[in-house]
């Protein structure tokens, strides 16, 4: 990652616990990782290295990048070129064994990677939370490290529950097989733990933006995760409160031009809106991601996209057509590109899979030869406005306040205010649609559709000549727990709809 986080991955092998929930090894094997971790975390240097390890699973999630593709390939905005099994999510052809198998090398794009990485991060966060309080070091820095560990544990747990539903809650580090084997908890209890962790992160004394180091969560980002977790938990009052805390803090603001949020040469300036991101490193070896290559035209032909792209991720033509032509966010999609001769050509001339594939421009990387330059947004300020708009409407209907929140986002997009006089239901639907236009290709849409129960009606309409039929079923609301995890942990049962 950029800045100091660029070196995080180099330190992971130093005396750190492995995520015991994420192994399919035989349960009678001896656990050795605790031998090292029990003697670790004694000094400030130990604590810093331990925190490095808690961040590393985030890079594993984003480099694949399962964190975005599991959602994006399942929803109604983006689809893959059907190569080496990449269409399994789009066609809903997976089962518990698929999420476990390294099918055609695509584990890093599957729900299994989410399970593996998140429990890896939780286990490593648990060691920080358990051991760093006794470390001999500066008290202020100690509090920041512990606060970040609580935040990351909450983030990983939220990612798990929105993906799998009821999941195991693990809050203590594992020093034996017995401690590693934990059963599932109901979603309600998972959200209680998320809230508790975020309360602890807040009280630990995290810094506010811009004092926070790049790539680390600010105090306001803790509130942002709180707001979004509360939205998914249908805790509307809490969601509204936390979103307003971020907005009213005045620490963040919208970029005037939405395209600048994603430009590689505007990265630092864009942090005023891009509150927390996966910090991709333009070095080799480095922790990057595949999105620049996936979204660019086939054969590295698009000089304005990437020098190393392979045309495997596109937007549906129907999604492109859903934008008002005045909407500036549509400029982040395109039906043409600039080739190496400097000519503007239709993308269909280089992409053989369909003439209706629209190019995604959020992850353009025109200068790097290794495709690692763009950050992946995790929390952006527009999310807070749209969370506030939805939560306010669910509490009080289409109020003036609710309209005010959503119209801030529409104004930046170059659109007129949302039509006045909408019913509560129509207003909420309009906000969900606004989210679709604002956050496409950022791993958000599938979860919006599943949390609102609309995926069965919406997804079958997102088709083209590559995917003429798509048939999600009710069980697809959550992904099945990987079979390896069930085999390794006798206390875990498969999700009911997947038995």
Protein backbone atom coordinates (compact mmCIF):
# COMPACT_ATOMS: atom_id res chain seq x y z
CA UNK A 1 0.00 0.00 0.00
CA UNK A 2 1.05 3.58 -0.36
CA UNK A 3 2.79 5.34 2.53
CA UNK A 4 3.77 3.16 5.46
CA UNK A 5 1.00 0.69 4.71
CA UNK A 6 2.84 -0.16 1.48
CA UNK A 7 5.15 -2.32 3.55
CA UNK A 8 2.47 -4.07 5.59
CA UNK A 9 2.51 -7.25 3.56
CA UNK A 10 6.25 -7.66 4.09
CA UNK A 11 5.81 -8.08 7.82
CA UNK A 12 3.03 -10.63 8.02
CA UNK A 13 5.31 -13.56 8.70
CA UNK A 14 6.56 -12.11 11.98
CA UNK A 15 5.24 -13.99 14.98
CA UNK A 16 1.53 -13.66 14.18
CA UNK A 17 -1.49 -15.87 14.77
CA UNK A 18 -3.06 -17.61 11.84
CA UNK A 19 -6.83 -17.51 11.36
CA UNK A 20 -7.82 -20.87 12.76
CA UNK A 21 -11.40 -20.68 11.58
CA UNK A 22 -10.17 -20.45 8.02
CA UNK A 23 -8.30 -23.70 7.74
CA UNK A 24 -9.54 -26.96 6.35
CA UNK A 25 -6.74 -28.91 8.08
CA UNK A 26 -7.56 -31.89 10.25
CA UNK A 27 -8.71 -30.73 13.65
CA UNK A 28 -6.31 -33.00 15.56
CA UNK A 29 -3.31 -31.03 14.33
CA UNK A 30 -1.35 -29.10 16.95
CA UNK A 31 -1.66 -25.33 16.94
CA UNK A 32 1.77 -23.74 16.87
CA UNK A 33 0.95 -20.11 16.12
CA UNK A 34 0.10 -19.32 19.74
CA UNK A 35 3.63 -20.28 20.81
CA UNK A 36 4.84 -17.19 19.00
CA UNK A 37 1.99 -14.82 19.69
CA UNK A 38 2.08 -15.42 23.44
CA UNK A 39 5.61 -14.02 23.45
CA UNK A 40 4.77 -11.19 21.08
CA UNK A 41 3.09 -7.77 21.57
CA UNK A 42 5.42 -6.74 24.38
CA UNK A 43 6.77 -3.55 22.81
CA UNK A 44 5.65 -0.68 20.59
CA UNK A 45 7.37 -2.33 17.63
CA UNK A 46 5.48 -5.56 18.29
CA UNK A 47 2.17 -3.70 18.43
CA UNK A 48 2.87 -1.89 15.16
CA UNK A 49 3.78 -5.13 13.40
CA UNK A 50 0.72 -6.80 14.81
CA UNK A 51 -1.51 -4.06 13.44
CA UNK A 52 0.14 -4.51 10.04
CA UNK A 53 -1.17 -8.07 10.05
CA UNK A 54 -4.73 -6.98 10.79
CA UNK A 55 -4.73 -4.88 7.61
CA UNK A 56 -3.24 -7.55 5.37
CA UNK A 57 -6.50 -9.52 4.86
CA UNK A 58 -8.06 -6.32 3.52
CA UNK A 59 -5.46 -6.40 0.76
CA UNK A 60 -6.33 -10.05 0.12
CA UNK A 61 -9.99 -9.08 -0.20
CA UNK A 62 -9.26 -6.23 -2.59
CA UNK A 63 -6.49 -7.69 -4.72
CA UNK A 64 -8.65 -10.51 -6.11
CA UNK A 65 -10.85 -8.56 -5.79
CA UNK A 66 -13.56 -10.61 -4.06
CA UNK A 67 -14.71 -7.59 -2.06
CA UNK A 68 -16.05 -5.96 -5.24
CA UNK A 69 -16.58 -8.80 -7.71
CA UNK A 70 -18.74 -11.06 -5.52
CA UNK A 71 -21.27 -8.23 -5.35
CA UNK A 72 -20.79 -6.69 -8.78
CA UNK A 73 -20.98 -9.89 -10.83
CA UNK A 74 -24.13 -10.93 -8.95
CA UNK A 75 -26.09 -7.72 -9.45
CA UNK A 76 -27.55 -5.73 -12.36
CA UNK A 77 -24.75 -3.29 -13.25
CA UNK A 78 -21.62 -5.27 -14.18
CA UNK A 79 -20.92 -8.63 -15.76
CA UNK A 80 -17.82 -10.66 -16.63
CA UNK A 81 -16.44 -12.12 -19.80
CA UNK A 82 -17.33 -15.77 -19.45
CA UNK A 83 -13.84 -17.22 -19.11
CA UNK A 84 -12.41 -19.76 -16.65
CA UNK A 85 -15.56 -19.93 -14.57
CA UNK A 86 -15.88 -16.21 -14.00
CA UNK A 87 -19.59 -16.34 -14.91
CA UNK A 88 -20.59 -18.60 -12.03
CA UNK A 89 -21.70 -15.72 -9.81
CA UNK A 90 -23.57 -14.04 -12.65
CA UNK A 91 -25.54 -17.19 -13.46
CA UNK A 92 -26.03 -18.20 -9.80
CA UNK A 93 -24.54 -21.61 -10.50
CA UNK A 94 -22.50 -21.84 -7.31
CA UNK A 95 -23.02 -24.08 -4.31
CA UNK A 96 -21.13 -24.73 -1.08
CA UNK A 97 -18.55 -26.77 -2.95
CA UNK A 98 -18.00 -24.03 -5.54
CA UNK A 99 -17.26 -21.47 -2.86
CA UNK A 100 -14.69 -23.86 -1.47
CA UNK A 101 -12.98 -25.09 -4.61
CA UNK A 102 -10.22 -23.12 -6.25
CA UNK A 103 -12.24 -23.31 -9.43
CA UNK A 104 -10.03 -22.33 -12.35
CA UNK A 105 -7.94 -20.26 -9.97
CA UNK A 106 -10.87 -18.00 -9.05
CA UNK A 107 -10.92 -18.46 -5.28
CA UNK A 108 -9.79 -14.85 -4.92
CA UNK A 109 -13.00 -13.76 -6.67
CA UNK A 110 -15.32 -16.04 -4.72
CA UNK A 111 -17.27 -15.86 -1.44
CA UNK A 112 -14.72 -18.25 0.02
CA UNK A 113 -12.11 -15.49 -0.12
CA UNK A 114 -14.43 -13.25 1.88
CA UNK A 115 -14.77 -15.93 4.56
CA UNK A 116 -11.05 -16.69 4.64
CA UNK A 117 -9.85 -13.10 4.69
CA UNK A 118 -12.39 -11.79 7.18
CA UNK A 119 -11.76 -14.48 9.77
CA UNK A 120 -8.04 -14.09 9.20
CA UNK A 121 -8.42 -10.39 10.00
CA UNK A 122 -10.65 -11.06 13.00
CA UNK A 123 -8.17 -13.52 14.51
CA UNK A 124 -5.32 -11.05 14.11
CA UNK A 125 -7.41 -8.20 15.51
CA UNK A 126 -8.22 -10.36 18.52
CA UNK A 127 -4.53 -10.68 19.37
CA UNK A 128 -4.12 -6.90 19.25
CA UNK A 129 -7.16 -6.34 21.46
CA UNK A 130 -6.07 -8.99 23.94
CA UNK A 131 -2.34 -8.27 24.15
CA UNK A 132 -1.53 -4.68 23.22
CA UNK A 133 -3.14 -3.15 26.35
CA UNK A 134 -0.20 -4.61 28.30
CA UNK A 135 2.48 -3.48 25.84
CA UNK A 136 5.07 -0.98 27.05
CA UNK A 137 4.60 1.99 24.73
CA UNK A 138 3.17 5.48 24.35
CA UNK A 139 -0.39 5.48 25.70
CA UNK A 140 -1.83 7.62 22.92
CA UNK A 141 -0.37 5.47 20.17
CA UNK A 142 -1.47 2.36 22.02
CA UNK A 143 -5.06 3.62 22.04
CA UNK A 144 -4.94 4.32 18.31
CA UNK A 145 -3.67 0.84 17.54
CA UNK A 146 -6.34 -0.79 19.68
CA UNK A 147 -9.00 1.46 18.15
CA UNK A 148 -8.01 0.48 14.63
CA UNK A 149 -8.12 -3.19 15.60
CA UNK A 150 -11.67 -2.80 16.95
CA UNK A 151 -12.71 -0.96 13.79
CA UNK A 152 -11.22 -3.59 11.49
CA UNK A 153 -12.79 -6.42 13.47
CA UNK A 154 -16.16 -4.70 13.08
CA UNK A 155 -15.57 -4.17 9.37
CA UNK A 156 -14.66 -7.81 8.78
CA UNK A 157 -17.62 -9.02 10.82
CA UNK A 158 -20.02 -6.73 8.94
CA UNK A 159 -18.64 -7.97 5.61
CA UNK A 160 -19.25 -11.55 6.74
CA UNK A 161 -22.80 -11.11 7.97
CA UNK A 162 -24.00 -9.18 4.90
CA UNK A 163 -22.54 -11.97 2.75
CA UNK A 164 -23.43 -15.10 4.71
CA UNK A 165 -26.11 -14.09 7.25
CA UNK A 166 -25.65 -15.78 10.63
CA UNK A 167 -21.92 -16.25 11.24
CA UNK A 168 -19.56 -17.16 14.09
CA UNK A 169 -18.55 -14.31 16.41
CA UNK A 170 -14.94 -14.65 17.47
CA UNK A 171 -13.70 -12.14 20.04
CA UNK A 172 -10.80 -13.99 21.68
CA UNK A 173 -7.55 -15.17 20.09
CA UNK A 174 -7.19 -18.90 19.59
CA UNK A 175 -4.52 -20.80 21.49
CA UNK A 176 -6.07 -24.24 20.98
CA UNK A 177 -8.33 -26.11 18.57
CA UNK A 178 -11.14 -25.91 21.11
CA UNK A 179 -11.01 -22.11 21.21
CA UNK A 180 -10.98 -21.93 17.42
CA UNK A 181 -14.18 -23.93 16.96
CA UNK A 182 -17.12 -21.57 17.37
CA UNK A 183 -20.72 -21.95 16.24
CA UNK A 184 -22.81 -19.41 14.36
CA UNK A 185 -24.64 -16.54 16.04
CA UNK A 186 -27.86 -14.91 14.84
CA UNK A 187 -27.47 -11.74 12.80
CA UNK A 188 -28.96 -9.71 15.64
CA UNK A 189 -26.09 -10.76 17.90
CA UNK A 190 -23.56 -10.14 15.14
CA UNK A 191 -24.76 -6.55 14.83
CA UNK A 192 -24.61 -6.12 18.61
CA UNK A 193 -20.96 -7.12 18.45
CA UNK A 194 -20.31 -4.77 15.53
CA UNK A 195 -21.87 -1.90 17.48
CA UNK A 196 -19.82 -2.78 20.56
CA UNK A 197 -16.59 -2.88 18.57
CA UNK A 198 -17.32 0.47 16.96
CA UNK A 199 -18.10 2.00 20.35
CA UNK A 200 -14.74 0.72 21.58
CA UNK A 201 -13.00 2.09 18.50
CA UNK A 202 -14.56 5.49 19.08
CA UNK A 203 -13.53 5.62 22.74
CA UNK A 204 -9.96 4.56 21.93
CA UNK A 205 -9.14 8.00 20.59
CA UNK A 206 -8.76 7.64 16.84
CA UNK A 207 -7.71 10.77 15.00
CA UNK A 208 -9.99 12.87 12.82
CA UNK A 209 -9.32 13.61 9.17
CA UNK A 210 -6.92 14.97 7.93
CA UNK A 211 -4.66 14.07 10.87
CA UNK A 212 -5.11 10.37 10.23
CA UNK A 213 -2.47 8.59 8.16
CA UNK A 214 -3.43 7.57 4.64
CA UNK A 215 -5.18 4.23 4.49
CA UNK A 216 -6.20 4.24 8.14
CA UNK A 217 -9.74 4.89 9.41
CA UNK A 218 -10.42 8.27 10.92
CA UNK A 219 -12.82 8.80 13.79
CA UNK A 220 -15.40 9.84 11.19
CA UNK A 221 -14.92 6.59 9.25
CA UNK A 222 -15.85 4.69 12.40
CA UNK A 223 -19.15 6.60 12.35
CA UNK A 224 -19.49 5.85 8.64
CA UNK A 225 -19.24 2.11 9.21
CA UNK A 226 -21.63 2.48 12.15
CA UNK A 227 -24.13 4.23 9.87
CA UNK A 228 -23.93 1.60 7.16
CA UNK A 229 -24.06 -1.34 9.55
CA UNK A 230 -27.12 0.22 11.21
CA UNK A 231 -28.73 0.66 7.78
CA UNK A 232 -28.26 -3.03 7.02
CA UNK A 233 -29.57 -3.83 10.50
CA UNK A 234 -32.68 -1.71 9.76
CA UNK A 235 -31.80 0.41 12.77
CA UNK A 236 -32.93 3.58 11.05
CA UNK A 237 -32.48 6.02 13.91
CA UNK A 238 -28.91 4.89 14.54
CA UNK A 239 -28.13 4.98 10.83
CA UNK A 240 -29.44 8.53 10.54
CA UNK A 241 -27.61 9.67 13.65
CA UNK A 242 -24.23 8.28 12.60
CA UNK A 243 -24.50 9.48 9.01
CA UNK A 244 -25.33 12.96 10.25
CA UNK A 245 -22.33 12.86 12.58
CA UNK A 246 -20.06 12.39 9.59
CA UNK A 247 -21.78 15.03 7.48
CA UNK A 248 -21.92 17.63 10.25
CA UNK A 249 -18.29 17.07 11.25
CA UNK A 250 -17.26 19.19 8.27
CA UNK A 251 -14.17 17.04 7.84
CA UNK A 252 -15.15 15.77 4.40
CA UNK A 253 -16.78 17.28 1.33
CA UNK A 254 -17.72 16.28 -2.22
CA UNK A 255 -15.24 16.73 -5.04
CA UNK A 256 -16.69 19.24 -7.55
CA UNK A 257 -16.14 16.82 -10.44
CA UNK A 258 -17.15 13.23 -9.66
CA UNK A 259 -14.56 11.92 -12.13
CA UNK A 260 -11.76 13.31 -9.98
CA UNK A 261 -12.66 10.90 -7.18
CA UNK A 262 -11.17 8.09 -9.27
CA UNK A 263 -8.31 9.75 -11.14
CA UNK A 264 -4.90 8.36 -10.31
CA UNK A 265 -3.39 11.86 -10.31
CA UNK A 266 -6.08 13.25 -7.96
CA UNK A 267 -5.76 10.58 -5.32
CA UNK A 268 -4.60 12.78 -2.46
CA UNK A 269 -7.05 15.58 -3.24
CA UNK A 270 -9.87 13.04 -3.49
CA UNK A 271 -9.40 11.97 0.12
CA UNK A 272 -11.67 14.88 1.03
CA UNK A 273 -14.49 12.65 -0.29
CA UNK A 274 -12.94 9.20 -0.43
CA UNK A 275 -12.92 8.69 3.32
CA UNK A 276 -11.35 5.24 3.45
CA UNK A 277 -9.94 3.17 0.61
CA UNK A 278 -7.80 0.21 -0.21
CA UNK A 279 -4.49 1.90 -0.92
CA UNK A 280 -3.11 0.28 -4.04
CA UNK A 281 0.65 0.42 -4.54
CA UNK A 282 2.17 1.33 -7.95
CA UNK A 283 5.19 -0.87 -7.33
CA UNK A 284 6.12 -4.43 -8.13
CA UNK A 285 5.87 -6.50 -6.09
CA UNK A 286 3.05 -4.64 -4.40
CA UNK A 287 -0.48 -5.03 -3.13
CA UNK A 288 -2.63 -4.01 -6.05
CA UNK A 289 -5.85 -5.23 -7.63
CA UNK A 290 -7.17 -6.54 -10.93
CA UNK A 291 -9.86 -3.94 -11.60
CA UNK A 292 -7.79 -1.78 -13.95
CA UNK A 293 -7.07 -4.82 -16.10
CA UNK A 294 -10.56 -6.25 -15.84
CA UNK A 295 -12.29 -3.04 -16.88
CA UNK A 296 -9.99 -2.01 -19.71
CA UNK A 297 -10.43 -3.17 -23.33
CA UNK A 298 -9.04 -6.48 -24.49
CA UNK A 299 -5.42 -6.65 -25.50
CA UNK A 300 -4.26 -3.48 -23.77
CA UNK A 301 -5.66 -1.56 -26.72
CA UNK A 302 -7.12 1.33 -24.75
CA UNK A 303 -4.33 3.72 -23.97
CA UNK A 304 -6.59 5.75 -21.69
CA UNK A 305 -7.57 2.67 -19.66
CA UNK A 306 -4.59 0.52 -18.88
CA UNK A 307 -1.32 -0.64 -20.37
CA UNK A 308 -2.15 -4.17 -19.30
CA UNK A 309 -5.87 -4.86 -19.63
CA UNK A 310 -7.79 -7.90 -20.78
CA UNK A 311 -11.43 -6.90 -21.16
CA UNK A 312 -13.20 -9.07 -18.59
CA UNK A 313 -15.60 -6.73 -16.79
CA UNK A 314 -18.24 -4.53 -18.41
CA UNK A 315 -21.41 -2.65 -17.54
CA UNK A 316 -24.74 -3.74 -18.95
CA UNK A 317 -26.08 -1.55 -21.73
CA UNK A 318 -29.38 -1.38 -19.82
CA UNK A 319 -27.58 0.13 -16.84
CA UNK A 320 -25.85 2.70 -19.02
CA UNK A 321 -29.20 3.57 -20.58
CA UNK A 322 -30.76 4.08 -17.14
CA UNK A 323 -28.75 7.29 -16.61
CA UNK A 324 -30.14 10.69 -17.48
CA UNK A 325 -27.85 11.92 -20.29
CA UNK A 326 -27.14 14.98 -18.12
CA UNK A 327 -25.85 12.81 -15.29
CA UNK A 328 -22.11 13.43 -14.95
CA UNK A 329 -21.67 10.01 -13.37
CA UNK A 330 -22.43 8.47 -16.77
CA UNK A 331 -19.06 9.88 -17.86
CA UNK A 332 -17.53 7.12 -15.73
CA UNK A 333 -18.91 4.66 -18.29
CA UNK A 334 -18.17 4.71 -21.99
CA UNK A 335 -18.99 3.00 -25.27
CA UNK A 336 -15.75 4.15 -26.90
CA UNK A 337 -12.08 4.34 -26.01
CA UNK A 338 -8.89 5.87 -27.37
CA UNK A 339 -6.65 3.32 -29.07
CA UNK A 340 -2.86 3.43 -29.27
CA UNK A 341 -3.01 5.35 -32.52
CA UNK A 342 -4.92 8.12 -30.75
CA UNK A 343 -8.20 7.39 -32.52
CA UNK A 344 -11.53 7.14 -30.73
CA UNK A 345 -13.11 3.82 -31.60
CA UNK A 346 -16.23 1.95 -30.43
CA UNK A 347 -15.37 -0.59 -27.78
CA UNK A 348 -17.26 -3.31 -29.68
CA UNK A 349 -14.50 -3.35 -32.27
CA UNK A 350 -12.05 -4.81 -29.77
CA UNK A 351 -14.34 -6.71 -27.40
CA UNK A 352 -15.71 -9.76 -29.18
CA UNK A 353 -18.06 -11.01 -26.49
CA UNK A 354 -20.85 -8.50 -27.11
CA UNK A 355 -21.51 -5.26 -28.92
CA UNK A 356 -23.43 -4.10 -25.87
CA UNK A 357 -20.59 -4.18 -23.35
CA UNK A 358 -20.04 -0.75 -21.80
CA UNK A 359 -16.58 0.11 -20.48
CA UNK A 360 -16.14 1.09 -16.82
CA UNK A 361 -13.86 4.09 -16.25
CA UNK A 362 -13.61 4.20 -12.44
CA UNK A 363 -10.36 2.24 -12.43
CA UNK A 364 -8.45 3.69 -15.36
CA UNK A 365 -4.69 3.36 -15.10
CA UNK A 366 -3.02 4.89 -18.17
CA UNK A 367 0.54 5.00 -16.84
CA UNK A 368 1.34 1.93 -14.75
CA UNK A 369 2.67 -1.14 -16.55
CA UNK A 370 1.52 -3.41 -13.71
CA UNK A 371 -2.01 -2.12 -13.18
CA UNK A 372 -1.76 -1.27 -9.50
CA UNK A 373 -2.34 2.44 -9.31
CA UNK A 374 -6.00 3.09 -8.50
CA UNK A 375 -7.35 2.99 -4.97
CA UNK A 376 -10.59 1.09 -4.37
CA UNK A 377 -13.11 3.24 -2.44
CA UNK A 378 -14.49 1.60 0.68
CA UNK A 379 -16.36 4.55 2.23
CA UNK A 380 -17.19 7.74 0.38
CA UNK A 381 -19.03 10.77 1.71
CA UNK A 382 -21.99 10.37 -0.73
CA UNK A 383 -22.84 7.17 1.12
CA UNK A 384 -23.51 9.18 4.24
CA UNK A 385 -25.93 11.51 2.43
CA UNK A 386 -27.81 8.62 0.87
CA UNK A 387 -27.89 6.61 4.09
CA UNK A 388 -29.28 9.67 5.85
CA UNK A 389 -31.88 10.17 3.10
CA UNK A 390 -33.07 6.57 3.27
CA UNK A 391 -33.08 6.36 7.06
CA UNK A 392 -34.92 9.67 7.40
CA UNK A 393 -37.55 8.53 4.89
CA UNK A 394 -38.06 5.20 6.63
CA UNK A 395 -38.59 7.05 9.89
CA UNK A 396 -40.53 10.11 8.74
CA UNK A 397 -41.47 9.62 5.10
CA UNK A 398 -40.31 11.82 2.24
CA UNK A 399 -39.59 14.80 4.47
CA UNK A 400 -37.81 18.01 3.54
CA UNK A 401 -34.74 16.72 5.33
CA UNK A 402 -34.79 13.49 3.33
CA UNK A 403 -35.03 15.44 0.08
CA UNK A 404 -32.20 17.70 1.20
CA UNK A 405 -29.83 14.77 1.69
CA UNK A 406 -30.43 13.15 -1.69
CA UNK A 407 -30.46 16.42 -3.61
CA UNK A 408 -26.91 17.20 -2.51
CA UNK A 409 -25.78 14.15 -4.44
CA UNK A 410 -27.98 14.89 -7.45
CA UNK A 411 -26.69 18.44 -7.65
CA UNK A 412 -23.08 17.27 -7.89
CA UNK A 413 -24.19 14.88 -10.64
CA UNK A 414 -25.65 17.78 -12.63
CA UNK A 415 -29.25 16.68 -12.15
CA UNK A 416 -32.38 18.53 -11.07
CA UNK A 417 -33.71 17.99 -7.57
CA UNK A 418 -35.68 14.81 -7.04
CA UNK A 419 -39.34 15.23 -8.00
CA UNK A 420 -41.37 16.66 -5.14
CA UNK A 421 -44.36 14.95 -3.58
CA UNK A 422 -43.16 11.35 -3.74
CA UNK A 423 -44.70 8.77 -1.46
CA UNK A 424 -42.53 7.19 1.20
CA UNK A 425 -42.08 4.02 -0.87
CA UNK A 426 -41.39 5.89 -4.10
CA UNK A 427 -38.85 8.12 -2.38
CA UNK A 428 -36.98 5.17 -0.87
CA UNK A 429 -36.93 3.45 -4.25
CA UNK A 430 -35.51 6.65 -5.76
CA UNK A 431 -32.76 6.73 -3.14
CA UNK A 432 -31.85 3.08 -3.81
CA UNK A 433 -31.66 3.92 -7.52
CA UNK A 434 -29.48 6.93 -6.71
CA UNK A 435 -27.16 4.55 -4.88
CA UNK A 436 -26.97 2.41 -8.02
CA UNK A 437 -25.82 5.33 -10.14
CA UNK A 438 -23.41 6.62 -7.49
CA UNK A 439 -21.67 3.41 -6.38
CA UNK A 440 -21.61 1.15 -9.43
CA UNK A 441 -18.57 -1.14 -9.69
CA UNK A 442 -17.69 -0.46 -6.03
CA UNK A 443 -19.06 -3.73 -4.61
CA UNK A 444 -22.23 -2.19 -3.18
CA UNK A 445 -25.19 -3.00 -5.42
CA UNK A 446 -25.83 -6.69 -4.67
CA UNK A 447 -26.01 -5.97 -0.97
CA UNK A 448 -28.48 -3.13 -1.57
CA UNK A 449 -30.68 -5.51 -3.52
CA UNK A 450 -30.50 -8.29 -0.96
CA UNK A 451 -31.00 -6.13 2.12
CA UNK A 452 -34.10 -4.59 0.50
CA UNK A 453 -35.40 -7.92 -0.81
CA UNK A 454 -35.56 -6.67 -4.41
CA UNK A 455 -32.92 -8.85 -6.08
CA UNK A 456 -35.44 -11.44 -7.33
CA UNK A 457 -37.31 -8.75 -9.28
CA UNK A 458 -34.35 -6.64 -10.42
CA UNK A 459 -31.59 -9.05 -11.43
CA UNK A 460 -33.50 -11.11 -14.06
CA UNK A 461 -33.96 -7.90 -16.07
CA UNK A 462 -30.20 -7.34 -16.33
CA UNK A 463 -29.47 -9.51 -19.37
CA UNK A 464 -27.82 -9.26 -22.78
CA UNK A 465 -26.74 -11.56 -25.59
CA UNK A 466 -23.99 -13.01 -23.38
CA UNK A 467 -26.30 -13.68 -20.44
CA UNK A 468 -29.81 -13.86 -21.91
CA UNK A 469 -31.26 -15.59 -18.85
CA UNK A 470 -30.38 -15.05 -15.19
CA UNK A 471 -32.43 -16.75 -12.51
CA UNK A 472 -31.55 -15.99 -8.89
CA UNK A 473 -33.64 -17.81 -6.30
CA UNK A 474 -34.59 -16.92 -2.74
CA UNK A 475 -31.63 -18.84 -1.31
CA UNK A 476 -29.22 -16.53 -3.15
CA UNK A 477 -29.90 -13.76 -0.64
CA UNK A 478 -26.92 -15.14 1.24
CA UNK A 479 -24.03 -17.18 -0.05
CA UNK A 480 -23.52 -20.72 1.24
CA UNK A 481 -20.86 -21.23 3.85
CA UNK A 482 -17.84 -22.84 2.16
CA UNK A 483 -17.97 -26.60 2.57
CA UNK A 484 -14.37 -26.76 3.80
CA UNK A 485 -15.36 -24.63 6.79
CA UNK A 486 -18.25 -26.92 7.66
CA UNK A 487 -15.97 -29.94 7.35
CA UNK A 488 -13.40 -28.34 9.63
CA UNK A 489 -15.78 -26.96 12.24
CA UNK A 490 -18.41 -29.36 13.61
CA UNK A 491 -20.22 -26.46 15.32
CA UNK A 492 -21.03 -24.70 12.04
CA UNK A 493 -24.18 -25.61 10.15
CA UNK A 494 -24.85 -24.70 6.55
CA UNK A 495 -27.24 -21.83 5.90
CA UNK A 496 -30.77 -23.31 5.99
CA UNK A 497 -31.64 -22.55 2.38
CA UNK A 498 -28.46 -24.24 1.18
CA UNK A 499 -28.85 -27.55 3.04
